Amino acid sequence: MKKSMITLACAMIAPIAFAQTSTTTTEQTTTAAAPATTTETTTTYSAGTVTTYEPGKTIVVKSDAGPVSFALGTAARIVDGAGKIVTAPLRSGQKVRVYYTGTGEKRVVERVQVED
């Protein structure tokens, strides 16, 4: 019994005797973030008939204002009225609506919607 009491006492004292204290230092650094910039792009469309079409390069559409040339970017897609991709190349005389960004010489097509 005496042996059990001594073992129990040692077991209770051991954690206190071997306990270590630790100090944790946390350093927080903040930096001023650059102000957010907002770029606004406007998509415009032009409707008319296809005059010239060079896949991957340009499309010329005859509209009420006369012939208008557009650059076809790599992301430009040709779709029908339901939004499904058209695989057949555009042909002269086809009615289309060209959605583009930019003005003047920098008009870039986002999509061409075939209206026929």
Protein backbone atom coordinates (compact mmCIF):
# COMPACT_ATOMS: atom_id res chain seq x y z
CA MET A 1 0.00 0.00 0.00
CA LYS A 2 2.79 2.36 0.92
CA LYS A 3 4.50 1.60 -2.37
CA SER A 4 1.29 2.45 -4.28
CA MET A 5 0.95 5.77 -2.48
CA ILE A 6 4.52 6.76 -3.30
CA THR A 7 4.07 5.80 -6.96
CA LEU A 8 0.85 7.78 -7.15
CA ALA A 9 2.45 10.82 -5.52
CA CYS A 10 5.41 10.68 -7.92
CA ALA A 11 3.06 10.38 -10.88
CA MET A 12 1.20 13.50 -9.75
CA ILE A 13 4.32 15.56 -9.09
CA ALA A 14 6.26 14.57 -12.25
CA PRO A 15 4.28 16.71 -14.71
CA ILE A 16 4.73 19.78 -12.51
CA ALA A 17 8.44 19.16 -12.00
CA PHE A 18 9.19 18.66 -15.67
CA ALA A 19 6.75 21.25 -17.02
CA GLN A 20 8.29 23.80 -19.31
CA THR A 21 6.99 27.23 -19.92
CA SER A 22 7.08 28.61 -23.41
CA THR A 23 6.59 32.05 -24.79
CA THR A 24 5.11 32.63 -28.21
CA THR A 25 5.63 35.92 -29.94
CA THR A 26 3.37 36.82 -32.85
CA GLU A 27 4.32 39.62 -35.16
CA GLN A 28 1.74 41.00 -37.55
CA THR A 29 2.85 43.06 -40.51
CA THR A 30 0.45 45.01 -42.63
CA THR A 31 1.18 46.66 -45.91
CA ALA A 32 -0.83 49.23 -47.75
CA ALA A 33 -2.52 47.59 -50.71
CA ALA A 34 -2.49 49.30 -54.05
CA PRO A 35 -5.84 50.81 -54.93
CA ALA A 36 -7.95 48.55 -57.11
CA THR A 37 -8.23 49.53 -60.74
CA THR A 38 -11.37 48.96 -62.74
CA THR A 39 -11.35 48.47 -66.47
CA GLU A 40 -14.65 48.88 -68.24
CA THR A 41 -15.20 47.47 -71.69
CA THR A 42 -18.29 48.01 -73.75
CA THR A 43 -19.53 45.46 -76.25
CA THR A 44 -21.28 46.94 -79.25
CA TYR A 45 -22.83 45.25 -82.23
CA SER A 46 -23.21 46.00 -85.89
CA ALA A 47 -25.76 44.24 -88.10
CA GLY A 48 -25.53 43.73 -91.83
CA THR A 49 -24.49 41.30 -94.53
CA VAL A 50 -21.11 39.65 -94.92
CA THR A 51 -19.04 41.12 -97.75
CA THR A 52 -15.68 39.46 -97.05
CA TYR A 53 -14.71 36.78 -94.55
CA GLU A 54 -11.19 35.52 -93.86
CA PRO A 55 -11.34 32.90 -91.07
CA GLY A 56 -9.14 33.87 -88.13
CA LYS A 57 -8.31 37.26 -89.66
CA THR A 58 -11.05 39.69 -90.68
CA ILE A 59 -14.69 40.07 -91.52
CA VAL A 60 -16.20 42.94 -93.51
CA VAL A 61 -19.89 43.62 -92.96
CA LYS A 62 -22.00 45.93 -95.12
CA SER A 63 -24.31 47.84 -92.78
CA ASP A 64 -26.51 50.93 -93.13
CA ALA A 65 -23.42 53.05 -92.45
CA GLY A 66 -21.43 51.32 -95.21
CA PRO A 67 -18.82 48.54 -95.08
CA VAL A 68 -17.22 47.99 -91.67
CA SER A 69 -14.10 45.88 -91.12
CA PHE A 70 -13.46 43.89 -87.94
CA ALA A 71 -10.45 41.94 -86.69
CA LEU A 72 -11.24 38.37 -85.68
CA GLY A 73 -9.40 37.52 -82.47
CA THR A 74 -8.59 33.98 -81.37
CA ALA A 75 -11.51 34.04 -78.91
CA ALA A 76 -14.08 35.11 -81.54
CA ARG A 77 -16.81 32.58 -82.08
CA ILE A 78 -19.55 32.23 -84.68
CA VAL A 79 -22.95 31.24 -83.30
CA ASP A 80 -26.53 30.89 -84.50
CA GLY A 81 -29.59 32.60 -82.99
CA ALA A 82 -29.81 29.95 -80.24
CA GLY A 83 -26.16 30.48 -79.24
CA LYS A 84 -24.91 27.18 -80.70
CA ILE A 85 -21.53 27.29 -82.42
CA VAL A 86 -21.65 27.30 -86.23
CA THR A 87 -18.93 25.21 -87.86
CA ALA A 88 -19.60 26.18 -91.48
CA PRO A 89 -17.63 29.19 -92.75
CA LEU A 90 -19.50 32.44 -93.31
CA ARG A 91 -20.39 33.24 -96.89
CA SER A 92 -20.89 36.48 -98.72
CA GLY A 93 -24.44 37.84 -98.44
CA GLN A 94 -25.18 36.10 -95.13
CA LYS A 95 -26.98 38.29 -92.54
CA VAL A 96 -25.02 38.61 -89.31
CA ARG A 97 -24.79 40.63 -86.14
CA VAL A 98 -21.17 41.28 -85.07
CA TYR A 99 -20.55 41.91 -81.36
CA TYR A 100 -17.23 43.71 -80.83
CA THR A 101 -15.16 45.83 -78.47
CA GLY A 102 -13.04 48.84 -79.34
CA THR A 103 -13.47 51.57 -81.91
CA GLY A 104 -12.02 52.57 -85.25
CA GLU A 105 -9.08 50.44 -86.35
CA LYS A 106 -9.13 48.60 -83.00
CA ARG A 107 -12.49 46.84 -83.33
CA VAL A 108 -12.10 43.23 -82.17
CA VAL A 109 -14.88 40.69 -82.61
CA GLU A 110 -16.12 38.78 -79.58
CA ARG A 111 -18.80 36.84 -81.45
CA VAL A 112 -20.66 36.77 -84.74
CA GLN A 113 -24.31 35.78 -84.61
CA VAL A 114 -25.69 34.39 -87.86
CA GLU A 115 -29.26 35.62 -88.40
CA ASP A 116 -30.21 33.42 -91.37
